[in-house]
Amino acid sequence: MSDHDATATTESTASMEPATKISSRLFPLSIVIGLTLLSGVVHGYLDGRWSRPLNVTVRGERLAELPDQVGDWVLADSTSLDPGAARILRCYGSQVREYRNQATNAVVNVALLFGPRGPIAVHTPEICYSSIGTQQVGDTRVQKLSTPSAAHELWSVQFAQNSQPDPSLDVWYAWSDGGPWKASKYPRVWMTESLYKIQVAGPVGSDAYQPCREFLEAFLPSVERVIQ
């Protein structure tokens, strides 16, 4: 090899070294950027931001078809979802109602929500009620209820108010994709774009009479008809 050829080879090799170093630095950077974008897409999907649900407005409006009376339970009041909660939950439809039992005078509050899976899934009574000064008493339990057309499972949890040692508030809640209600541990990873949530709060009652259970047994058949 001549001196001229050796010099040309050396210069060519030297000119390739910076490009090789830059390429080796960009490769891991591109991986980091790609993973960051992927995580954002996954989070957006779980949160419901990237989904395009069909007919969600129509399905949300159907919640207004809930009856004013189920069994001994009669509608006593109906209100709109709190504006702050509405912004957080991004509901396509919601009903917030109070029913009173004509025979026992017991009162329960029920919220039926329909919206993107992410926001609907993450706000549970254990978090929301604890933030307003109540204290959970005992464990959250699974309760089973059956209607003529389906078997349902709901979470139930009790709270004490005003620093009292004994619970006075009973809360039942669950999620549905239009089928049976489920006491799901991880509703946010449910393989559906939108979810229904039901939450009923009432007095604790006794072993012989549980207002929330009795109300749900009368109410759920009507709910089944409007969410299917």
C-alpha atoms as a PDB file:
ATOM      1  CA  MET A   1       0.000   0.000   0.000  1.00  0.00           C
ATOM      2  CA  SER A   2       1.346   3.438  -0.918  1.00  0.00           C
ATOM      3  CA  ASP A   3       1.708   6.290   1.508  1.00  0.00           C
ATOM      4  CA  HIS A   4      -1.124   8.079  -0.320  1.00  0.00           C
ATOM      5  CA  ASP A   5      -3.470   5.092   0.037  1.00  0.00           C
ATOM      6  CA  ALA A   6      -2.586   4.691   3.736  1.00  0.00           C
ATOM      7  CA  THR A   7      -3.279   8.360   4.383  1.00  0.00           C
ATOM      8  CA  ALA A   8      -6.649   8.166   2.566  1.00  0.00           C
ATOM      9  CA  THR A   9      -7.646   5.080   4.563  1.00  0.00           C
ATOM     10  CA  THR A  10      -6.693   6.756   7.845  1.00  0.00           C
ATOM     11  CA  GLU A  11      -8.659   9.894   6.966  1.00  0.00           C
ATOM     12  CA  SER A  12     -11.685   7.824   5.930  1.00  0.00           C
ATOM     13  CA  THR A  13     -11.603   5.855   9.181  1.00  0.00           C
ATOM     14  CA  ALA A  14     -11.235   9.030  11.220  1.00  0.00           C
ATOM     15  CA  SER A  15     -14.173  10.636   9.438  1.00  0.00           C
ATOM     16  CA  MET A  16     -16.387   7.614  10.255  1.00  0.00           C
ATOM     17  CA  GLU A  17     -15.632   7.613  13.999  1.00  0.00           C
ATOM     18  CA  PRO A  18     -17.737  10.673  14.955  1.00  0.00           C
ATOM     19  CA  ALA A  19     -20.717   9.382  12.959  1.00  0.00           C
ATOM     20  CA  THR A  20     -20.390   5.991  14.668  1.00  0.00           C
ATOM     21  CA  LYS A  21     -20.237   7.609  18.113  1.00  0.00           C
ATOM     22  CA  ILE A  22     -23.257   9.809  17.379  1.00  0.00           C
ATOM     23  CA  SER A  23     -25.214   6.814  16.089  1.00  0.00           C
ATOM     24  CA  SER A  24     -24.368   4.792  19.220  1.00  0.00           C
ATOM     25  CA  ARG A  25     -25.624   7.649  21.397  1.00  0.00           C
ATOM     26  CA  LEU A  26     -28.837   8.158  19.437  1.00  0.00           C
ATOM     27  CA  PHE A  27     -29.837   4.487  19.594  1.00  0.00           C
ATOM     28  CA  PRO A  28     -30.495   4.296  23.345  1.00  0.00           C
ATOM     29  CA  LEU A  29     -32.064   7.771  23.222  1.00  0.00           C
ATOM     30  CA  SER A  30     -34.493   6.632  20.552  1.00  0.00           C
ATOM     31  CA  ILE A  31     -35.410   3.634  22.735  1.00  0.00           C
ATOM     32  CA  VAL A  32     -36.145   5.928  25.703  1.00  0.00           C
ATOM     33  CA  ILE A  33     -38.281   8.229  23.544  1.00  0.00           C
ATOM     34  CA  GLY A  34     -40.140   5.274  22.062  1.00  0.00           C
ATOM     35  CA  LEU A  35     -40.858   3.760  25.482  1.00  0.00           C
ATOM     36  CA  THR A  36     -42.024   7.140  26.789  1.00  0.00           C
ATOM     37  CA  LEU A  37     -44.443   7.552  23.879  1.00  0.00           C
ATOM     38  CA  LEU A  38     -45.668   3.983  24.281  1.00  0.00           C
ATOM     39  CA  SER A  39     -46.317   4.462  27.995  1.00  0.00           C
ATOM     40  CA  GLY A  40     -48.242   7.638  27.199  1.00  0.00           C
ATOM     41  CA  VAL A  41     -50.417   5.822  24.678  1.00  0.00           C
ATOM     42  CA  VAL A  42     -51.074   2.946  27.114  1.00  0.00           C
ATOM     43  CA  HIS A  43     -51.930   5.378  29.920  1.00  0.00           C
ATOM     44  CA  GLY A  44     -54.202   7.332  27.587  1.00  0.00           C
ATOM     45  CA  TYR A  45     -55.980   4.149  26.533  1.00  0.00           C
ATOM     46  CA  LEU A  46     -56.514   3.036  30.122  1.00  0.00           C
ATOM     47  CA  ASP A  47     -57.718   6.522  31.019  1.00  0.00           C
ATOM     48  CA  GLY A  48     -60.111   6.595  28.087  1.00  0.00           C
ATOM     49  CA  ARG A  49     -58.547   9.565  26.273  1.00  0.00           C
ATOM     50  CA  TRP A  50     -57.659   7.707  23.064  1.00  0.00           C
ATOM     51  CA  SER A  51     -60.859   5.734  22.777  1.00  0.00           C
ATOM     52  CA  ARG A  52     -63.729   6.596  20.476  1.00  0.00           C
ATOM     53  CA  PRO A  53     -66.783   4.938  22.076  1.00  0.00           C
ATOM     54  CA  LEU A  54     -69.842   4.608  19.862  1.00  0.00           C
ATOM     55  CA  ASN A  55     -73.285   5.864  20.876  1.00  0.00           C
ATOM     56  CA  VAL A  56     -72.107   6.846  24.334  1.00  0.00           C
ATOM     57  CA  THR A  57     -74.462   9.819  24.479  1.00  0.00           C
ATOM     58  CA  VAL A  58     -77.472   7.660  23.713  1.00  0.00           C
ATOM     59  CA  ARG A  59     -76.437   5.103  26.312  1.00  0.00           C
ATOM     60  CA  GLY A  60     -75.858   7.860  28.852  1.00  0.00           C
ATOM     61  CA  GLU A  61     -79.303   9.364  28.221  1.00  0.00           C
ATOM     62  CA  ARG A  62     -80.956   6.003  28.864  1.00  0.00           C
ATOM     63  CA  LEU A  63     -80.053   6.271  32.552  1.00  0.00           C
ATOM     64  CA  ALA A  64     -82.870   8.820  32.870  1.00  0.00           C
ATOM     65  CA  GLU A  65     -85.323   5.960  32.224  1.00  0.00           C
ATOM     66  CA  LEU A  66     -84.844   4.640  35.772  1.00  0.00           C
ATOM     67  CA  PRO A  67     -88.213   4.371  37.526  1.00  0.00           C
ATOM     68  CA  ASP A  68     -89.452   6.646  40.285  1.00  0.00           C
ATOM     69  CA  GLN A  69     -90.575   3.652  42.346  1.00  0.00           C
ATOM     70  CA  VAL A  70     -89.234   0.123  42.837  1.00  0.00           C
ATOM     71  CA  GLY A  71     -91.134  -1.955  45.356  1.00  0.00           C
ATOM     72  CA  ASP A  72     -91.570   0.053  48.560  1.00  0.00           C
ATOM     73  CA  TRP A  73     -88.830   2.476  47.505  1.00  0.00           C
ATOM     74  CA  VAL A  74     -90.073   5.821  46.141  1.00  0.00           C
ATOM     75  CA  LEU A  75     -88.006   8.609  44.582  1.00  0.00           C
ATOM     76  CA  ALA A  76     -87.610  11.406  47.135  1.00  0.00           C
ATOM     77  CA  ASP A  77     -85.079  13.622  45.354  1.00  0.00           C
ATOM     78  CA  SER A  78     -83.026  13.811  42.180  1.00  0.00           C
ATOM     79  CA  THR A  79     -79.966  16.020  41.688  1.00  0.00           C
ATOM     80  CA  SER A  80     -77.231  16.586  39.134  1.00  0.00           C
ATOM     81  CA  LEU A  81     -73.762  15.217  39.600  1.00  0.00           C
ATOM     82  CA  ASP A  82     -71.500  17.658  41.425  1.00  0.00           C
ATOM     83  CA  PRO A  83     -69.727  19.844  38.791  1.00  0.00           C
ATOM     84  CA  GLY A  84     -66.297  19.009  40.197  1.00  0.00           C
ATOM     85  CA  ALA A  85     -67.006  15.296  40.104  1.00  0.00           C
ATOM     86  CA  ALA A  86     -68.463  15.634  36.610  1.00  0.00           C
ATOM     87  CA  ARG A  87     -65.217  17.167  35.330  1.00  0.00           C
ATOM     88  CA  ILE A  88     -63.110  14.441  36.919  1.00  0.00           C
ATOM     89  CA  LEU A  89     -65.298  11.518  35.852  1.00  0.00           C
ATOM     90  CA  ARG A  90     -66.120  12.858  32.347  1.00  0.00           C
ATOM     91  CA  CYS A  91     -69.457  11.033  32.431  1.00  0.00           C
ATOM     92  CA  TYR A  92     -71.504  10.448  29.291  1.00  0.00           C
ATOM     93  CA  GLY A  93     -74.537  10.156  31.560  1.00  0.00           C
ATOM     94  CA  SER A  94     -75.340  10.070  35.272  1.00  0.00           C
ATOM     95  CA  GLN A  95     -78.212   9.840  37.721  1.00  0.00           C
ATOM     96  CA  VAL A  96     -77.960  10.865  41.379  1.00  0.00           C
ATOM     97  CA  ARG A  97     -81.094  10.022  43.331  1.00  0.00           C
ATOM     98  CA  GLU A  98     -82.523   9.575  46.799  1.00  0.00           C
ATOM     99  CA  TYR A  99     -85.116   6.890  47.489  1.00  0.00           C
ATOM    100  CA  ARG A 100     -87.223   6.495  50.626  1.00  0.00           C
ATOM    101  CA  ASN A 101     -88.805   3.263  51.809  1.00  0.00           C
ATOM    102  CA  GLN A 102     -92.522   3.791  52.459  1.00  0.00           C
ATOM    103  CA  ALA A 103     -92.672   0.971  54.992  1.00  0.00           C
ATOM    104  CA  THR A 104     -89.522   1.586  57.063  1.00  0.00           C
ATOM    105  CA  ASN A 105     -88.766   5.249  56.235  1.00  0.00           C
ATOM    106  CA  ALA A 106     -85.157   4.279  55.473  1.00  0.00           C
ATOM    107  CA  VAL A 107     -83.389   6.508  52.947  1.00  0.00           C
ATOM    108  CA  VAL A 108     -80.671   5.522  50.478  1.00  0.00           C
ATOM    109  CA  ASN A 109     -78.692   7.597  48.007  1.00  0.00           C
ATOM    110  CA  VAL A 110     -77.803   6.044  44.662  1.00  0.00           C
ATOM    111  CA  ALA A 111     -75.438   7.230  41.945  1.00  0.00           C
ATOM    112  CA  LEU A 112     -75.450   5.497  38.566  1.00  0.00           C
ATOM    113  CA  LEU A 113     -72.645   6.655  36.272  1.00  0.00           C
ATOM    114  CA  PHE A 114     -71.526   5.855  32.740  1.00  0.00           C
ATOM    115  CA  GLY A 115     -68.248   7.113  31.308  1.00  0.00           C
ATOM    116  CA  PRO A 116     -64.663   6.369  30.201  1.00  0.00           C
ATOM    117  CA  ARG A 117     -63.187   3.353  31.942  1.00  0.00           C
ATOM    118  CA  GLY A 118     -60.229   5.167  33.526  1.00  0.00           C
ATOM    119  CA  PRO A 119     -61.984   7.922  35.527  1.00  0.00           C
ATOM    120  CA  ILE A 120     -64.988   5.728  36.363  1.00  0.00           C
ATOM    121  CA  ALA A 121     -62.755   2.965  37.739  1.00  0.00           C
ATOM    122  CA  VAL A 122     -60.407   4.804  40.076  1.00  0.00           C
ATOM    123  CA  HIS A 123     -62.716   6.750  42.392  1.00  0.00           C
ATOM    124  CA  THR A 124     -63.856   4.335  45.120  1.00  0.00           C
ATOM    125  CA  PRO A 125     -65.731   5.090  48.366  1.00  0.00           C
ATOM    126  CA  GLU A 126     -62.694   4.083  50.431  1.00  0.00           C
ATOM    127  CA  ILE A 127     -60.864   7.067  48.922  1.00  0.00           C
ATOM    128  CA  CYS A 128     -63.705   9.556  48.492  1.00  0.00           C
ATOM    129  CA  TYR A 129     -65.429   9.109  51.867  1.00  0.00           C
ATOM    130  CA  SER A 130     -62.153   9.093  53.790  1.00  0.00           C
ATOM    131  CA  SER A 131     -61.345  12.506  52.321  1.00  0.00           C
ATOM    132  CA  ILE A 132     -64.442  14.089  53.907  1.00  0.00           C
ATOM    133  CA  GLY A 133     -63.832  13.087  57.499  1.00  0.00           C
ATOM    134  CA  THR A 134     -65.384   9.621  57.710  1.00  0.00           C
ATOM    135  CA  GLN A 135     -63.438   6.570  58.802  1.00  0.00           C
ATOM    136  CA  GLN A 136     -63.687   3.091  57.334  1.00  0.00           C
ATOM    137  CA  VAL A 137     -64.706   0.420  59.828  1.00  0.00           C
ATOM    138  CA  GLY A 138     -63.848  -3.185  58.988  1.00  0.00           C
ATOM    139  CA  ASP A 139     -62.844  -4.653  55.664  1.00  0.00           C
ATOM    140  CA  THR A 140     -64.386  -4.152  52.260  1.00  0.00           C
ATOM    141  CA  ARG A 141     -66.407  -7.283  51.497  1.00  0.00           C
ATOM    142  CA  VAL A 142     -67.981  -8.913  48.464  1.00  0.00           C
ATOM    143  CA  GLN A 143     -71.769  -9.210  48.551  1.00  0.00           C
ATOM    144  CA  LYS A 144     -73.735 -11.436  46.195  1.00  0.00           C
ATOM    145  CA  LEU A 145     -77.164 -10.480  44.858  1.00  0.00           C
ATOM    146  CA  SER A 146     -79.360 -12.252  42.336  1.00  0.00           C
ATOM    147  CA  THR A 147     -82.149 -10.991  40.117  1.00  0.00           C
ATOM    148  CA  PRO A 148     -84.392 -13.119  37.880  1.00  0.00           C
ATOM    149  CA  SER A 149     -81.976 -12.586  34.968  1.00  0.00           C
ATOM    150  CA  ALA A 150     -78.477 -12.316  36.476  1.00  0.00           C
ATOM    151  CA  ALA A 151     -76.157 -12.959  39.420  1.00  0.00           C
ATOM    152  CA  HIS A 152     -74.343  -9.859  40.665  1.00  0.00           C
ATOM    153  CA  GLU A 153     -71.420  -9.128  42.976  1.00  0.00           C
ATOM    154  CA  LEU A 154     -70.876  -5.786  44.720  1.00  0.00           C
ATOM    155  CA  TRP A 155     -68.357  -4.441  47.194  1.00  0.00           C
ATOM    156  CA  SER A 156     -69.709  -3.274  50.545  1.00  0.00           C
ATOM    157  CA  VAL A 157     -67.874  -1.096  53.035  1.00  0.00           C
ATOM    158  CA  GLN A 158     -68.966   0.682  56.204  1.00  0.00           C
ATOM    159  CA  PHE A 159     -67.927   4.027  57.628  1.00  0.00           C
ATOM    160  CA  ALA A 160     -68.137   5.783  60.984  1.00  0.00           C
ATOM    161  CA  GLN A 161     -69.002   9.467  61.051  1.00  0.00           C
ATOM    162  CA  ASN A 162     -68.150  12.263  63.473  1.00  0.00           C
ATOM    163  CA  SER A 163     -65.394  10.196  65.145  1.00  0.00           C
ATOM    164  CA  GLN A 164     -67.907   7.642  66.401  1.00  0.00           C
ATOM    165  CA  PRO A 165     -66.567   4.108  67.067  1.00  0.00           C
ATOM    166  CA  ASP A 166     -69.452   2.281  65.379  1.00  0.00           C
ATOM    167  CA  PRO A 167     -70.282   2.475  61.678  1.00  0.00           C
ATOM    168  CA  SER A 168     -73.422   4.330  60.637  1.00  0.00           C
ATOM    169  CA  LEU A 169     -72.981   4.462  56.858  1.00  0.00           C
ATOM    170  CA  ASP A 170     -73.169   1.435  54.571  1.00  0.00           C
ATOM    171  CA  VAL A 171     -71.892   1.800  50.972  1.00  0.00           C
ATOM    172  CA  TRP A 172     -72.277  -0.751  48.171  1.00  0.00           C
ATOM    173  CA  TYR A 173     -70.652  -0.330  44.761  1.00  0.00           C
ATOM    174  CA  ALA A 174     -69.689  -2.222  41.602  1.00  0.00           C
ATOM    175  CA  TRP A 175     -68.931  -1.844  37.887  1.00  0.00           C
ATOM    176  CA  SER A 176     -70.532  -3.224  34.751  1.00  0.00           C
ATOM    177  CA  ASP A 177     -69.861  -3.236  31.016  1.00  0.00           C
ATOM    178  CA  GLY A 178     -73.591  -3.689  30.408  1.00  0.00           C
ATOM    179  CA  GLY A 179     -73.752  -7.174  31.878  1.00  0.00           C
ATOM    180  CA  PRO A 180     -73.820  -8.365  35.501  1.00  0.00           C
ATOM    181  CA  TRP A 181     -72.358  -6.066  38.144  1.00  0.00           C
ATOM    182  CA  LYS A 182     -68.932  -7.115  39.341  1.00  0.00           C
ATOM    183  CA  ALA A 183     -66.892  -6.392  42.468  1.00  0.00           C
ATOM    184  CA  SER A 184     -63.742  -6.003  40.399  1.00  0.00           C
ATOM    185  CA  LYS A 185     -60.362  -5.409  42.025  1.00  0.00           C
ATOM    186  CA  TYR A 186     -58.916  -3.884  38.872  1.00  0.00           C
ATOM    187  CA  PRO A 187     -61.739  -2.298  36.843  1.00  0.00           C
ATOM    188  CA  ARG A 188     -59.306   0.067  35.131  1.00  0.00           C
ATOM    189  CA  VAL A 189     -57.832  -2.769  33.060  1.00  0.00           C
ATOM    190  CA  TRP A 190     -61.263  -4.031  32.034  1.00  0.00           C
ATOM    191  CA  MET A 191     -61.148  -4.759  28.302  1.00  0.00           C
ATOM    192  CA  THR A 192     -63.864  -2.283  27.381  1.00  0.00           C
ATOM    193  CA  GLU A 193     -63.755   1.418  26.592  1.00  0.00           C
ATOM    194  CA  SER A 194     -66.625   2.519  28.853  1.00  0.00           C
ATOM    195  CA  LEU A 195     -67.955   1.378  32.201  1.00  0.00           C
ATOM    196  CA  TYR A 196     -71.039   1.784  34.334  1.00  0.00           C
ATOM    197  CA  LYS A 197     -70.658   2.284  38.051  1.00  0.00           C
ATOM    198  CA  ILE A 198     -73.335   1.990  40.707  1.00  0.00           C
ATOM    199  CA  GLN A 199     -72.921   3.262  44.261  1.00  0.00           C
ATOM    200  CA  VAL A 200     -75.566   3.074  46.976  1.00  0.00           C
ATOM    201  CA  ALA A 201     -75.185   4.600  50.445  1.00  0.00           C
ATOM    202  CA  GLY A 202     -77.575   4.186  53.353  1.00  0.00           C
ATOM    203  CA  PRO A 203     -77.872   3.321  57.039  1.00  0.00           C
ATOM    204  CA  VAL A 204     -76.077   0.250  58.322  1.00  0.00           C
ATOM    205  CA  GLY A 205     -79.182  -1.514  59.597  1.00  0.00           C
ATOM    206  CA  SER A 206     -78.940  -4.954  61.195  1.00  0.00           C
ATOM    207  CA  ASP A 207     -78.493  -8.593  60.273  1.00  0.00           C
ATOM    208  CA  ALA A 208     -82.250  -8.865  59.865  1.00  0.00           C
ATOM    209  CA  TYR A 209     -82.678  -5.730  57.756  1.00  0.00           C
ATOM    210  CA  GLN A 210     -80.068  -4.144  55.513  1.00  0.00           C
ATOM    211  CA  PRO A 211     -81.513  -1.138  53.650  1.00  0.00           C
ATOM    212  CA  CYS A 212     -78.858  -1.093  50.914  1.00  0.00           C
ATOM    213  CA  ARG A 213     -79.283  -4.780  50.147  1.00  0.00           C
ATOM    214  CA  GLU A 214     -83.080  -4.549  50.097  1.00  0.00           C
ATOM    215  CA  PHE A 215     -82.998  -1.495  47.864  1.00  0.00           C
ATOM    216  CA  LEU A 216     -80.580  -3.088  45.392  1.00  0.00           C
ATOM    217  CA  GLU A 217     -82.657  -6.252  45.175  1.00  0.00           C
ATOM    218  CA  ALA A 218     -85.620  -4.111  44.098  1.00  0.00           C
ATOM    219  CA  PHE A 219     -83.609  -1.640  41.980  1.00  0.00           C
ATOM    220  CA  LEU A 220     -81.202  -3.786  39.955  1.00  0.00           C
ATOM    221  CA  PRO A 221     -83.800  -5.341  37.602  1.00  0.00           C
ATOM    222  CA  SER A 222     -84.676  -1.816  36.432  1.00  0.00           C
ATOM    223  CA  VAL A 223     -80.989  -0.956  36.052  1.00  0.00           C
ATOM    224  CA  GLU A 224     -80.423  -4.064  33.943  1.00  0.00           C
ATOM    225  CA  ARG A 225     -82.995  -2.841  31.437  1.00  0.00           C
ATOM    226  CA  VAL A 226     -81.394   0.578  30.917  1.00  0.00           C
ATOM    227  CA  ILE A 227     -77.749  -0.520  30.619  1.00  0.00           C
ATOM    228  CA  GLN A 228     -78.127  -3.527  28.299  1.00  0.00           C
END
